[in-house]
Amino acid sequence: MAYGVKIAKGDAYKRAAAKRRHIRIRKKVSGTPERPRLVVTRTNRGITAQVIDDIAGHTLASASHLDGSVRGGEGDKSAQAKQVGALVAERAKAAGVEAVVFDRGGNKYAGRIAALADAAREAGLKF
């Protein structure tokens, strides 16, 4: 079945493949008030995470590499992703969220995505 994403060459092909993976994942993953969706958005420069209730259409918590406590931090991008994961888990717990559904956004579960997820689990968020 086609997902409506054009096939291109080079970097555009990689983006199209990630978009197809994301569409395929979103068919199965949806956030509810009991288990909202933890969405990870990865760019070349940084990483962002949001906890979203899809039924109400609200963002319950979010964290980014641009937050003040993360921005001036030491380490590489994986260390930055760990800080973002811990921060979003802390904010989600403050909002009353105990468990989430993980949405990797079409990215492979490795590197920065895995580092963020592991840090969120260590901070007490259940997947």
PDB file of N, CA and C in Angstrom:
ATOM      1  N   MET A   1       0.841  -1.171   0.000  1.00  0.00           N
ATOM      2  CA  MET A   1       0.000   0.000   0.000  1.00  0.00           C
ATOM      3  C   MET A   1       0.888   1.236   0.000  1.00  0.00           C
ATOM      4  N   ALA A   2       0.554   2.208  -0.818  1.00  0.00           N
ATOM      5  CA  ALA A   2       1.333   3.439  -0.911  1.00  0.00           C
ATOM      6  C   ALA A   2       0.936   4.394   0.202  1.00  0.00           C
ATOM      7  N   TYR A   3       1.913   5.119   0.682  1.00  0.00           N
ATOM      8  CA  TYR A   3       1.674   6.074   1.757  1.00  0.00           C
ATOM      9  C   TYR A   3       1.670   7.507   1.265  1.00  0.00           C
ATOM     10  N   GLY A   4       1.780   7.734  -0.016  1.00  0.00           N
ATOM     11  CA  GLY A   4       1.698   9.071  -0.547  1.00  0.00           C
ATOM     12  C   GLY A   4       2.949   9.889  -0.370  1.00  0.00           C
ATOM     13  N   VAL A   5       4.104   9.232  -0.251  1.00  0.00           N
ATOM     14  CA  VAL A   5       5.367   9.933  -0.118  1.00  0.00           C
ATOM     15  C   VAL A   5       6.189   9.637  -1.353  1.00  0.00           C
ATOM     16  N   LYS A   6       6.646  10.679  -2.040  1.00  0.00           N
ATOM     17  CA  LYS A   6       7.387  10.497  -3.271  1.00  0.00           C
ATOM     18  C   LYS A   6       8.783   9.950  -2.986  1.00  0.00           C
ATOM     19  N   ILE A   7       9.261   9.117  -3.868  1.00  0.00           N
ATOM     20  CA  ILE A   7      10.605   8.574  -3.750  1.00  0.00           C
ATOM     21  C   ILE A   7      11.552   9.502  -4.492  1.00  0.00           C
ATOM     22  N   ALA A   8      12.632   9.856  -3.841  1.00  0.00           N
ATOM     23  CA  ALA A   8      13.594  10.786  -4.422  1.00  0.00           C
ATOM     24  C   ALA A   8      14.991  10.187  -4.303  1.00  0.00           C
ATOM     25  N   LYS A   9      16.005  11.005  -4.444  1.00  0.00           N
ATOM     26  CA  LYS A   9      17.381  10.536  -4.368  1.00  0.00           C
ATOM     27  C   LYS A   9      18.095  11.184  -3.180  1.00  0.00           C
ATOM     28  N   GLY A  10      19.110  10.501  -2.655  1.00  0.00           N
ATOM     29  CA  GLY A  10      19.971  11.067  -1.625  1.00  0.00           C
ATOM     30  C   GLY A  10      19.255  11.320  -0.315  1.00  0.00           C
ATOM     31  N   ASP A  11      19.493  12.513   0.240  1.00  0.00           N
ATOM     32  CA  ASP A  11      18.913  12.880   1.533  1.00  0.00           C
ATOM     33  C   ASP A  11      17.391  12.939   1.469  1.00  0.00           C
ATOM     34  N   ALA A  12      16.857  13.344   0.323  1.00  0.00           N
ATOM     35  CA  ALA A  12      15.406  13.394   0.175  1.00  0.00           C
ATOM     36  C   ALA A  12      14.806  11.996   0.290  1.00  0.00           C
ATOM     37  N   TYR A  13      15.533  10.982  -0.182  1.00  0.00           N
ATOM     38  CA  TYR A  13      15.065   9.604  -0.058  1.00  0.00           C
ATOM     39  C   TYR A  13      15.021   9.189   1.409  1.00  0.00           C
ATOM     40  N   LYS A  14      16.023   9.584   2.178  1.00  0.00           N
ATOM     41  CA  LYS A  14      16.051   9.257   3.606  1.00  0.00           C
ATOM     42  C   LYS A  14      14.879   9.917   4.333  1.00  0.00           C
ATOM     43  N   ARG A  15      14.612  11.166   4.005  1.00  0.00           N
ATOM     44  CA  ARG A  15      13.486  11.857   4.631  1.00  0.00           C
ATOM     45  C   ARG A  15      12.163  11.208   4.254  1.00  0.00           C
ATOM     46  N   ALA A  16      12.037  10.800   2.991  1.00  0.00           N
ATOM     47  CA  ALA A  16      10.815  10.140   2.541  1.00  0.00           C
ATOM     48  C   ALA A  16      10.642   8.804   3.248  1.00  0.00           C
ATOM     49  N   ALA A  17      11.737   8.060   3.438  1.00  0.00           N
ATOM     50  CA  ALA A  17      11.666   6.777   4.131  1.00  0.00           C
ATOM     51  C   ALA A  17      11.270   6.979   5.590  1.00  0.00           C
ATOM     52  N   ALA A  18      11.814   8.012   6.237  1.00  0.00           N
ATOM     53  CA  ALA A  18      11.449   8.304   7.626  1.00  0.00           C
ATOM     54  C   ALA A  18       9.978   8.697   7.714  1.00  0.00           C
ATOM     55  N   LYS A  19       9.495   9.435   6.726  1.00  0.00           N
ATOM     56  CA  LYS A  19       8.085   9.834   6.711  1.00  0.00           C
ATOM     57  C   LYS A  19       7.182   8.610   6.570  1.00  0.00           C
ATOM     58  N   ARG A  20       7.557   7.658   5.704  1.00  0.00           N
ATOM     59  CA  ARG A  20       6.776   6.437   5.563  1.00  0.00           C
ATOM     60  C   ARG A  20       6.756   5.644   6.868  1.00  0.00           C
ATOM     61  N   ARG A  21       7.909   5.534   7.519  1.00  0.00           N
ATOM     62  CA  ARG A  21       7.967   4.821   8.804  1.00  0.00           C
ATOM     63  C   ARG A  21       7.094   5.511   9.837  1.00  0.00           C
ATOM     64  N   HIS A  22       7.119   6.845   9.853  1.00  0.00           N
ATOM     65  CA  HIS A  22       6.317   7.589  10.823  1.00  0.00           C
ATOM     66  C   HIS A  22       4.820   7.369  10.593  1.00  0.00           C
ATOM     67  N   ILE A  23       4.399   7.389   9.342  1.00  0.00           N
ATOM     68  CA  ILE A  23       2.987   7.146   9.025  1.00  0.00           C
ATOM     69  C   ILE A  23       2.585   5.746   9.462  1.00  0.00           C
ATOM     70  N   ARG A  24       3.448   4.778   9.208  1.00  0.00           N
ATOM     71  CA  ARG A  24       3.169   3.391   9.583  1.00  0.00           C
ATOM     72  C   ARG A  24       3.056   3.242  11.110  1.00  0.00           C
ATOM     73  N   ILE A  25       3.901   3.947  11.844  1.00  0.00           N
ATOM     74  CA  ILE A  25       3.868   3.880  13.309  1.00  0.00           C
ATOM     75  C   ILE A  25       2.609   4.559  13.850  1.00  0.00           C
ATOM     76  N   ARG A  26       2.258   5.717  13.271  1.00  0.00           N
ATOM     77  CA  ARG A  26       1.122   6.491  13.785  1.00  0.00           C
ATOM     78  C   ARG A  26      -0.213   5.787  13.556  1.00  0.00           C
ATOM     79  N   LYS A  27      -0.260   4.815  12.627  1.00  0.00           N
ATOM     80  CA  LYS A  27      -1.480   4.044  12.467  1.00  0.00           C
ATOM     81  C   LYS A  27      -1.753   3.208  13.706  1.00  0.00           C
ATOM     82  N   LYS A  28      -0.706   2.806  14.400  1.00  0.00           N
ATOM     83  CA  LYS A  28      -0.830   1.908  15.535  1.00  0.00           C
ATOM     84  C   LYS A  28      -0.754   2.619  16.880  1.00  0.00           C
ATOM     85  N   VAL A  29      -0.066   3.754  16.956  1.00  0.00           N
ATOM     86  CA  VAL A  29       0.220   4.422  18.221  1.00  0.00           C
ATOM     87  C   VAL A  29      -0.663   5.654  18.359  1.00  0.00           C
ATOM     88  N   SER A  30      -1.389   5.732  19.472  1.00  0.00           N
ATOM     89  CA  SER A  30      -2.215   6.895  19.764  1.00  0.00           C
ATOM     90  C   SER A  30      -2.206   7.145  21.257  1.00  0.00           C
ATOM     91  N   GLY A  31      -2.184   8.406  21.645  1.00  0.00           N
ATOM     92  CA  GLY A  31      -2.157   8.761  23.052  1.00  0.00           C
ATOM     93  C   GLY A  31      -3.551   8.919  23.625  1.00  0.00           C
ATOM     94  N   THR A  32      -3.742   8.420  24.835  1.00  0.00           N
ATOM     95  CA  THR A  32      -5.003   8.546  25.556  1.00  0.00           C
ATOM     96  C   THR A  32      -4.741   9.330  26.841  1.00  0.00           C
ATOM     97  N   PRO A  33      -5.787   9.731  27.538  1.00  0.00           N
ATOM     98  CA  PRO A  33      -5.541  10.424  28.817  1.00  0.00           C
ATOM     99  C   PRO A  33      -4.799   9.547  29.826  1.00  0.00           C
ATOM    100  N   GLU A  34      -5.026   8.221  29.802  1.00  0.00           N
ATOM    101  CA  GLU A  34      -4.337   7.331  30.731  1.00  0.00           C
ATOM    102  C   GLU A  34      -2.878   7.122  30.321  1.00  0.00           C
ATOM    103  N   ARG A  35      -2.640   6.956  29.007  1.00  0.00           N
ATOM    104  CA  ARG A  35      -1.282   6.753  28.480  1.00  0.00           C
ATOM    105  C   ARG A  35      -1.070   7.682  27.291  1.00  0.00           C
ATOM    106  N   PRO A  36      -0.631   8.908  27.549  1.00  0.00           N
ATOM    107  CA  PRO A  36      -0.372   9.820  26.437  1.00  0.00           C
ATOM    108  C   PRO A  36       0.832   9.366  25.607  1.00  0.00           C
ATOM    109  N   ARG A  37       1.013  10.011  24.490  1.00  0.00           N
ATOM    110  CA  ARG A  37       2.065   9.638  23.547  1.00  0.00           C
ATOM    111  C   ARG A  37       3.291  10.508  23.780  1.00  0.00           C
ATOM    112  N   LEU A  38       4.455   9.877  23.937  1.00  0.00           N
ATOM    113  CA  LEU A  38       5.727  10.585  24.054  1.00  0.00           C
ATOM    114  C   LEU A  38       6.333  10.656  22.660  1.00  0.00           C
ATOM    115  N   VAL A  39       6.307  11.841  22.060  1.00  0.00           N
ATOM    116  CA  VAL A  39       6.760  12.057  20.697  1.00  0.00           C
ATOM    117  C   VAL A  39       8.182  12.591  20.723  1.00  0.00           C
ATOM    118  N   VAL A  40       9.053  11.998  19.919  1.00  0.00           N
ATOM    119  CA  VAL A  40      10.434  12.446  19.823  1.00  0.00           C
ATOM    120  C   VAL A  40      10.664  13.001  18.427  1.00  0.00           C
ATOM    121  N   THR A  41      11.181  14.221  18.363  1.00  0.00           N
ATOM    122  CA  THR A  41      11.529  14.856  17.102  1.00  0.00           C
ATOM    123  C   THR A  41      13.026  15.094  17.107  1.00  0.00           C
ATOM    124  N   ARG A  42      13.712  14.504  16.128  1.00  0.00           N
ATOM    125  CA  ARG A  42      15.164  14.601  16.059  1.00  0.00           C
ATOM    126  C   ARG A  42      15.564  15.410  14.842  1.00  0.00           C
ATOM    127  N   THR A  43      16.482  16.353  15.032  1.00  0.00           N
ATOM    128  CA  THR A  43      17.065  17.101  13.935  1.00  0.00           C
ATOM    129  C   THR A  43      18.570  16.892  13.970  1.00  0.00           C
ATOM    130  N   ASN A  44      19.273  17.470  13.019  1.00  0.00           N
ATOM    131  CA  ASN A  44      20.724  17.347  13.021  1.00  0.00           C
ATOM    132  C   ASN A  44      21.349  18.072  14.206  1.00  0.00           C
ATOM    133  N   ARG A  45      20.706  19.128  14.665  1.00  0.00           N
ATOM    134  CA  ARG A  45      21.270  19.923  15.752  1.00  0.00           C
ATOM    135  C   ARG A  45      20.838  19.479  17.132  1.00  0.00           C
ATOM    136  N   GLY A  46      19.611  19.012  17.281  1.00  0.00           N
ATOM    137  CA  GLY A  46      19.125  18.717  18.623  1.00  0.00           C
ATOM    138  C   GLY A  46      17.956  17.766  18.620  1.00  0.00           C
ATOM    139  N   ILE A  47      17.262  17.751  19.756  1.00  0.00           N
ATOM    140  CA  ILE A  47      16.169  16.800  19.948  1.00  0.00           C
ATOM    141  C   ILE A  47      15.092  17.454  20.804  1.00  0.00           C
ATOM    142  N   THR A  48      13.843  17.098  20.534  1.00  0.00           N
ATOM    143  CA  THR A  48      12.699  17.625  21.267  1.00  0.00           C
ATOM    144  C   THR A  48      11.784  16.468  21.622  1.00  0.00           C
ATOM    145  N   ALA A  49      11.162  16.537  22.796  1.00  0.00           N
ATOM    146  CA  ALA A  49      10.215  15.501  23.217  1.00  0.00           C
ATOM    147  C   ALA A  49       8.968  16.172  23.768  1.00  0.00           C
ATOM    148  N   GLN A  50       7.808  15.614  23.438  1.00  0.00           N
ATOM    149  CA  GLN A  50       6.528  16.117  23.924  1.00  0.00           C
ATOM    150  C   GLN A  50       5.673  14.954  24.392  1.00  0.00           C
ATOM    151  N   VAL A  51       4.880  15.188  25.432  1.00  0.00           N
ATOM    152  CA  VAL A  51       3.898  14.214  25.898  1.00  0.00           C
ATOM    153  C   VAL A  51       2.536  14.763  25.499  1.00  0.00           C
ATOM    154  N   ILE A  52       1.839  14.027  24.607  1.00  0.00           N
ATOM    155  CA  ILE A  52       0.614  14.541  23.986  1.00  0.00           C
ATOM    156  C   ILE A  52      -0.560  13.606  24.258  1.00  0.00           C
ATOM    157  N   ASP A  53      -1.687  14.200  24.640  1.00  0.00           N
ATOM    158  CA  ASP A  53      -2.958  13.487  24.729  1.00  0.00           C
ATOM    159  C   ASP A  53      -3.672  13.704  23.400  1.00  0.00           C
ATOM    160  N   ASP A  54      -3.716  12.672  22.557  1.00  0.00           N
ATOM    161  CA  ASP A  54      -4.278  12.816  21.213  1.00  0.00           C
ATOM    162  C   ASP A  54      -5.786  13.006  21.210  1.00  0.00           C
ATOM    163  N   ILE A  55      -6.479  12.476  22.201  1.00  0.00           N
ATOM    164  CA  ILE A  55      -7.941  12.610  22.234  1.00  0.00           C
ATOM    165  C   ILE A  55      -8.335  14.052  22.503  1.00  0.00           C
ATOM    166  N   ALA A  56      -7.702  14.676  23.498  1.00  0.00           N
ATOM    167  CA  ALA A  56      -7.987  16.072  23.809  1.00  0.00           C
ATOM    168  C   ALA A  56      -7.227  17.025  22.895  1.00  0.00           C
ATOM    169  N   GLY A  57      -6.140  16.542  22.279  1.00  0.00           N
ATOM    170  CA  GLY A  57      -5.347  17.395  21.409  1.00  0.00           C
ATOM    171  C   GLY A  57      -4.480  18.374  22.171  1.00  0.00           C
ATOM    172  N   HIS A  58      -4.017  17.985  23.371  1.00  0.00           N
ATOM    173  CA  HIS A  58      -3.222  18.878  24.208  1.00  0.00           C
ATOM    174  C   HIS A  58      -1.842  18.315  24.465  1.00  0.00           C
ATOM    175  N   THR A  59      -0.868  19.208  24.554  1.00  0.00           N
ATOM    176  CA  THR A  59       0.475  18.832  24.971  1.00  0.00           C
ATOM    177  C   THR A  59       0.541  18.971  26.488  1.00  0.00           C
ATOM    178  N   LEU A  60       0.859  17.880  27.165  1.00  0.00           N
ATOM    179  CA  LEU A  60       0.887  17.875  28.623  1.00  0.00           C
ATOM    180  C   LEU A  60       2.244  18.291  29.170  1.00  0.00           C
ATOM    181  N   ALA A  61       3.311  17.934  28.483  1.00  0.00           N
ATOM    182  CA  ALA A  61       4.666  18.296  28.909  1.00  0.00           C
ATOM    183  C   ALA A  61       5.568  18.301  27.688  1.00  0.00           C
ATOM    184  N   SER A  62       6.627  19.097  27.754  1.00  0.00           N
ATOM    185  CA  SER A  62       7.573  19.118  26.651  1.00  0.00           C
ATOM    186  C   SER A  62       8.946  19.508  27.169  1.00  0.00           C
ATOM    187  N   ALA A  63       9.960  19.121  26.418  1.00  0.00           N
ATOM    188  CA  ALA A  63      11.340  19.499  26.717  1.00  0.00           C
ATOM    189  C   ALA A  63      12.100  19.533  25.402  1.00  0.00           C
ATOM    190  N   SER A  64      13.126  20.363  25.367  1.00  0.00           N
ATOM    191  CA  SER A  64      13.880  20.549  24.136  1.00  0.00           C
ATOM    192  C   SER A  64      15.349  20.766  24.456  1.00  0.00           C
ATOM    193  N   HIS A  65      16.175  20.625  23.436  1.00  0.00           N
ATOM    194  CA  HIS A  65      17.591  20.923  23.608  1.00  0.00           C
ATOM    195  C   HIS A  65      17.821  22.415  23.772  1.00  0.00           C
ATOM    196  N   LEU A  66      16.800  23.217  23.523  1.00  0.00           N
ATOM    197  CA  LEU A  66      16.909  24.668  23.663  1.00  0.00           C
ATOM    198  C   LEU A  66      16.531  25.170  25.053  1.00  0.00           C
ATOM    199  N   ASP A  67      16.045  24.270  25.949  1.00  0.00           N
ATOM    200  CA  ASP A  67      15.729  24.664  27.317  1.00  0.00           C
ATOM    201  C   ASP A  67      16.997  25.128  28.021  1.00  0.00           C
ATOM    202  N   GLY A  68      16.827  26.043  28.947  1.00  0.00           N
ATOM    203  CA  GLY A  68      17.972  26.648  29.632  1.00  0.00           C
ATOM    204  C   GLY A  68      18.863  25.660  30.355  1.00  0.00           C
ATOM    205  N   SER A  69      18.270  24.665  31.013  1.00  0.00           N
ATOM    206  CA  SER A  69      19.075  23.713  31.778  1.00  0.00           C
ATOM    207  C   SER A  69      19.831  22.744  30.874  1.00  0.00           C
ATOM    208  N   VAL A  70      19.368  22.550  29.650  1.00  0.00           N
ATOM    209  CA  VAL A  70      20.001  21.616  28.722  1.00  0.00           C
ATOM    210  C   VAL A  70      20.958  22.326  27.782  1.00  0.00           C
ATOM    211  N   ARG A  71      20.638  23.537  27.439  1.00  0.00           N
ATOM    212  CA  ARG A  71      21.344  24.263  26.383  1.00  0.00           C
ATOM    213  C   ARG A  71      22.844  24.410  26.640  1.00  0.00           C
ATOM    214  N   GLY A  72      23.214  24.784  27.827  1.00  0.00           N
ATOM    215  CA  GLY A  72      24.626  25.010  28.121  1.00  0.00           C
ATOM    216  C   GLY A  72      25.325  23.778  28.655  1.00  0.00           C
ATOM    217  N   GLY A  73      24.694  22.618  28.532  1.00  0.00           N
ATOM    218  CA  GLY A  73      25.235  21.401  29.115  1.00  0.00           C
ATOM    219  C   GLY A  73      26.466  20.888  28.402  1.00  0.00           C
ATOM    220  N   GLU A  74      27.192  20.063  29.109  1.00  0.00           N
ATOM    221  CA  GLU A  74      28.400  19.452  28.575  1.00  0.00           C
ATOM    222  C   GLU A  74      28.058  18.181  27.812  1.00  0.00           C
ATOM    223  N   GLY A  75      28.954  17.755  26.953  1.00  0.00           N
ATOM    224  CA  GLY A  75      28.793  16.476  26.284  1.00  0.00           C
ATOM    225  C   GLY A  75      28.308  16.607  24.852  1.00  0.00           C
ATOM    226  N   ASP A  76      28.162  15.440  24.235  1.00  0.00           N
ATOM    227  CA  ASP A  76      27.741  15.377  22.842  1.00  0.00           C
ATOM    228  C   ASP A  76      26.216  15.370  22.743  1.00  0.00           C
ATOM    229  N   LYS A  77      25.705  15.105  21.545  1.00  0.00           N
ATOM    230  CA  LYS A  77      24.263  15.140  21.329  1.00  0.00           C
ATOM    231  C   LYS A  77      23.543  14.009  22.045  1.00  0.00           C
ATOM    232  N   SER A  78      24.199  12.875  22.274  1.00  0.00           N
ATOM    233  CA  SER A  78      23.577  11.790  23.037  1.00  0.00           C
ATOM    234  C   SER A  78      23.405  12.182  24.489  1.00  0.00           C
ATOM    235  N   ALA A  79      24.386  12.867  25.047  1.00  0.00           N
ATOM    236  CA  ALA A  79      24.272  13.357  26.423  1.00  0.00           C
ATOM    237  C   ALA A  79      23.157  14.398  26.525  1.00  0.00           C
ATOM    238  N   GLN A  80      23.046  15.216  25.505  1.00  0.00           N
ATOM    239  CA  GLN A  80      21.972  16.206  25.444  1.00  0.00           C
ATOM    240  C   GLN A  80      20.613  15.514  25.399  1.00  0.00           C
ATOM    241  N   ALA A  81      20.510  14.429  24.632  1.00  0.00           N
ATOM    242  CA  ALA A  81      19.260  13.681  24.534  1.00  0.00           C
ATOM    243  C   ALA A  81      18.901  13.056  25.880  1.00  0.00           C
ATOM    244  N   LYS A  82      19.890  12.589  26.632  1.00  0.00           N
ATOM    245  CA  LYS A  82      19.636  12.039  27.965  1.00  0.00           C
ATOM    246  C   LYS A  82      19.057  13.108  28.886  1.00  0.00           C
ATOM    247  N   GLN A  83      19.610  14.321  28.809  1.00  0.00           N
ATOM    248  CA  GLN A  83      19.103  15.418  29.633  1.00  0.00           C
ATOM    249  C   GLN A  83      17.671  15.772  29.249  1.00  0.00           C
ATOM    250  N   VAL A  84      17.374  15.783  27.961  1.00  0.00           N
ATOM    251  CA  VAL A  84      16.013  16.083  27.494  1.00  0.00           C
ATOM    252  C   VAL A  84      15.052  15.002  27.963  1.00  0.00           C
ATOM    253  N   GLY A  85      15.466  13.731  27.904  1.00  0.00           N
ATOM    254  CA  GLY A  85      14.621  12.629  28.356  1.00  0.00           C
ATOM    255  C   GLY A  85      14.298  12.719  29.836  1.00  0.00           C
ATOM    256  N   ALA A  86      15.309  13.027  30.637  1.00  0.00           N
ATOM    257  CA  ALA A  86      15.078  13.169  32.081  1.00  0.00           C
ATOM    258  C   ALA A  86      14.170  14.361  32.368  1.00  0.00           C
ATOM    259  N   LEU A  87      14.362  15.448  31.625  1.00  0.00           N
ATOM    260  CA  LEU A  87      13.561  16.655  31.851  1.00  0.00           C
ATOM    261  C   LEU A  87      12.102  16.449  31.458  1.00  0.00           C
ATOM    262  N   VAL A  88      11.847  15.802  30.319  1.00  0.00           N
ATOM    263  CA  VAL A  88      10.457  15.577  29.908  1.00  0.00           C
ATOM    264  C   VAL A  88       9.777  14.594  30.854  1.00  0.00           C
ATOM    265  N   ALA A  89      10.516  13.614  31.363  1.00  0.00           N
ATOM    266  CA  ALA A  89       9.926  12.678  32.325  1.00  0.00           C
ATOM    267  C   ALA A  89       9.568  13.391  33.627  1.00  0.00           C
ATOM    268  N   GLU A  90      10.425  14.271  34.065  1.00  0.00           N
ATOM    269  CA  GLU A  90      10.160  15.041  35.288  1.00  0.00           C
ATOM    270  C   GLU A  90       8.922  15.926  35.121  1.00  0.00           C
ATOM    271  N   ARG A  91       8.815  16.589  33.983  1.00  0.00           N
ATOM    272  CA  ARG A  91       7.664  17.460  33.725  1.00  0.00           C
ATOM    273  C   ARG A  91       6.383  16.657  33.551  1.00  0.00           C
ATOM    274  N   ALA A  92       6.481  15.474  32.945  1.00  0.00           N
ATOM    275  CA  ALA A  92       5.306  14.622  32.777  1.00  0.00           C
ATOM    276  C   ALA A  92       4.823  14.112  34.128  1.00  0.00           C
ATOM    277  N   LYS A  93       5.742  13.734  35.005  1.00  0.00           N
ATOM    278  CA  LYS A  93       5.362  13.275  36.340  1.00  0.00           C
ATOM    279  C   LYS A  93       4.685  14.407  37.108  1.00  0.00           C
ATOM    280  N   ALA A  94       5.170  15.633  36.927  1.00  0.00           N
ATOM    281  CA  ALA A  94       4.552  16.788  37.576  1.00  0.00           C
ATOM    282  C   ALA A  94       3.143  17.033  37.046  1.00  0.00           C
ATOM    283  N   ALA A  95       2.902  16.660  35.784  1.00  0.00           N
ATOM    284  CA  ALA A  95       1.579  16.829  35.184  1.00  0.00           C
ATOM    285  C   ALA A  95       0.653  15.664  35.510  1.00  0.00           C
ATOM    286  N   GLY A  96       1.150  14.678  36.251  1.00  0.00           N
ATOM    287  CA  GLY A  96       0.321  13.557  36.655  1.00  0.00           C
ATOM    288  C   GLY A  96       0.356  12.368  35.712  1.00  0.00           C
ATOM    289  N   VAL A  97       1.337  12.304  34.838  1.00  0.00           N
ATOM    290  CA  VAL A  97       1.453  11.206  33.887  1.00  0.00           C
ATOM    291  C   VAL A  97       2.410  10.161  34.454  1.00  0.00           C
ATOM    292  N   GLU A  98       1.960   8.913  34.514  1.00  0.00           N
ATOM    293  CA  GLU A  98       2.799   7.830  35.026  1.00  0.00           C
ATOM    294  C   GLU A  98       3.331   6.938  33.910  1.00  0.00           C
ATOM    295  N   ALA A  99       2.518   6.708  32.856  1.00  0.00           N
ATOM    296  CA  ALA A  99       2.894   5.815  31.766  1.00  0.00           C
ATOM    297  C   ALA A  99       2.604   6.491  30.431  1.00  0.00           C
ATOM    298  N   VAL A 100       3.429   6.201  29.441  1.00  0.00           N
ATOM    299  CA  VAL A 100       3.280   6.789  28.113  1.00  0.00           C
ATOM    300  C   VAL A 100       3.416   5.705  27.050  1.00  0.00           C
ATOM    301  N   VAL A 101       3.015   6.056  25.827  1.00  0.00           N
ATOM    302  CA  VAL A 101       3.250   5.242  24.638  1.00  0.00           C
ATOM    303  C   VAL A 101       4.353   5.952  23.870  1.00  0.00           C
ATOM    304  N   PHE A 102       5.405   5.222  23.500  1.00  0.00           N
ATOM    305  CA  PHE A 102       6.573   5.848  22.863  1.00  0.00           C
ATOM    306  C   PHE A 102       6.385   5.934  21.356  1.00  0.00           C
ATOM    307  N   ASP A 103       6.543   7.136  20.810  1.00  0.00           N
ATOM    308  CA  ASP A 103       6.459   7.391  19.374  1.00  0.00           C
ATOM    309  C   ASP A 103       7.817   7.923  18.926  1.00  0.00           C
ATOM    310  N   ARG A 104       8.586   7.074  18.254  1.00  0.00           N
ATOM    311  CA  ARG A 104       9.939   7.454  17.858  1.00  0.00           C
ATOM    312  C   ARG A 104       9.965   8.330  16.610  1.00  0.00           C
ATOM    313  N   GLY A 105       8.822   8.601  16.041  1.00  0.00           N
ATOM    314  CA  GLY A 105       8.715   9.546  14.947  1.00  0.00           C
ATOM    315  C   GLY A 105       9.353   9.103  13.649  1.00  0.00           C
ATOM    316  N   GLY A 106       9.390   7.796  13.378  1.00  0.00           N
ATOM    317  CA  GLY A 106       9.977   7.311  12.149  1.00  0.00           C
ATOM    318  C   GLY A 106      11.479   7.121  12.218  1.00  0.00           C
ATOM    319  N   ASN A 107      12.089   7.524  13.333  1.00  0.00           N
ATOM    320  CA  ASN A 107      13.528   7.349  13.507  1.00  0.00           C
ATOM    321  C   ASN A 107      13.815   5.939  13.997  1.00  0.00           C
ATOM    322  N   LYS A 108      14.997   5.470  13.726  1.00  0.00           N
ATOM    323  CA  LYS A 108      15.408   4.166  14.218  1.00  0.00           C
ATOM    324  C   LYS A 108      15.658   4.265  15.719  1.00  0.00           C
ATOM    325  N   TYR A 109      15.335   3.176  16.438  1.00  0.00           N
ATOM    326  CA  TYR A 109      15.509   3.174  17.889  1.00  0.00           C
ATOM    327  C   TYR A 109      16.980   2.863  18.188  1.00  0.00           C
ATOM    328  N   ALA A 110      17.799   3.868  18.057  1.00  0.00           N
ATOM    329  CA  ALA A 110      19.231   3.736  18.313  1.00  0.00           C
ATOM    330  C   ALA A 110      19.776   5.134  18.599  1.00  0.00           C
ATOM    331  N   GLY A 111      20.953   5.202  19.161  1.00  0.00           N
ATOM    332  CA  GLY A 111      21.619   6.481  19.361  1.00  0.00           C
ATOM    333  C   GLY A 111      20.867   7.418  20.273  1.00  0.00           C
ATOM    334  N   ARG A 112      20.573   8.613  19.756  1.00  0.00           N
ATOM    335  CA  ARG A 112      19.930   9.654  20.569  1.00  0.00           C
ATOM    336  C   ARG A 112      18.506   9.296  20.965  1.00  0.00           C
ATOM    337  N   ILE A 113      17.789   8.595  20.085  1.00  0.00           N
ATOM    338  CA  ILE A 113      16.411   8.199  20.398  1.00  0.00           C
ATOM    339  C   ILE A 113      16.416   7.229  21.574  1.00  0.00           C
ATOM    340  N   ALA A 114      17.297   6.243  21.538  1.00  0.00           N
ATOM    341  CA  ALA A 114      17.398   5.266  22.622  1.00  0.00           C
ATOM    342  C   ALA A 114      17.893   5.922  23.900  1.00  0.00           C
ATOM    343  N   ALA A 115      18.823   6.878  23.792  1.00  0.00           N
ATOM    344  CA  ALA A 115      19.338   7.575  24.975  1.00  0.00           C
ATOM    345  C   ALA A 115      18.228   8.359  25.666  1.00  0.00           C
ATOM    346  N   LEU A 116      17.390   9.037  24.879  1.00  0.00           N
ATOM    347  CA  LEU A 116      16.271   9.782  25.454  1.00  0.00           C
ATOM    348  C   LEU A 116      15.290   8.841  26.138  1.00  0.00           C
ATOM    349  N   ALA A 117      14.957   7.739  25.492  1.00  0.00           N
ATOM    350  CA  ALA A 117      13.996   6.792  26.062  1.00  0.00           C
ATOM    351  C   ALA A 117      14.542   6.174  27.349  1.00  0.00           C
ATOM    352  N   ASP A 118      15.809   5.796  27.362  1.00  0.00           N
ATOM    353  CA  ASP A 118      16.406   5.202  28.554  1.00  0.00           C
ATOM    354  C   ASP A 118      16.431   6.190  29.716  1.00  0.00           C
ATOM    355  N   ALA A 119      16.749   7.456  29.430  1.00  0.00           N
ATOM    356  CA  ALA A 119      16.773   8.471  30.485  1.00  0.00           C
ATOM    357  C   ALA A 119      15.369   8.715  31.037  1.00  0.00           C
ATOM    358  N   ALA A 120      14.362   8.685  30.162  1.00  0.00           N
ATOM    359  CA  ALA A 120      12.981   8.876  30.628  1.00  0.00           C
ATOM    360  C   ALA A 120      12.547   7.706  31.501  1.00  0.00           C
ATOM    361  N   ARG A 121      12.949   6.494  31.145  1.00  0.00           N
ATOM    362  CA  ARG A 121      12.632   5.316  31.973  1.00  0.00           C
ATOM    363  C   ARG A 121      13.314   5.403  33.325  1.00  0.00           C
ATOM    364  N   GLU A 122      14.584   5.816  33.340  1.00  0.00           N
ATOM    365  CA  GLU A 122      15.328   5.937  34.589  1.00  0.00           C
ATOM    366  C   GLU A 122      14.707   6.979  35.505  1.00  0.00           C
ATOM    367  N   ALA A 123      14.100   8.013  34.908  1.00  0.00           N
ATOM    368  CA  ALA A 123      13.466   9.065  35.688  1.00  0.00           C
ATOM    369  C   ALA A 123      12.089   8.654  36.210  1.00  0.00           C
ATOM    370  N   GLY A 124      11.625   7.436  35.862  1.00  0.00           N
ATOM    371  CA  GLY A 124      10.386   6.934  36.435  1.00  0.00           C
ATOM    372  C   GLY A 124       9.202   6.890  35.512  1.00  0.00           C
ATOM    373  N   LEU A 125       9.375   7.212  34.249  1.00  0.00           N
ATOM    374  CA  LEU A 125       8.267   7.151  33.292  1.00  0.00           C
ATOM    375  C   LEU A 125       8.182   5.730  32.747  1.00  0.00           C
ATOM    376  N   LYS A 126       6.970   5.162  32.729  1.00  0.00           N
ATOM    377  CA  LYS A 126       6.782   3.790  32.257  1.00  0.00           C
ATOM    378  C   LYS A 126       6.368   3.789  30.799  1.00  0.00           C
ATOM    379  N   PHE A 127       6.957   2.880  30.038  1.00  0.00           N
ATOM    380  CA  PHE A 127       6.639   2.737  28.614  1.00  0.00           C
ATOM    381  C   PHE A 127       5.827   1.492  28.430  1.00  0.00           C
TER     382      PHE A 127
END
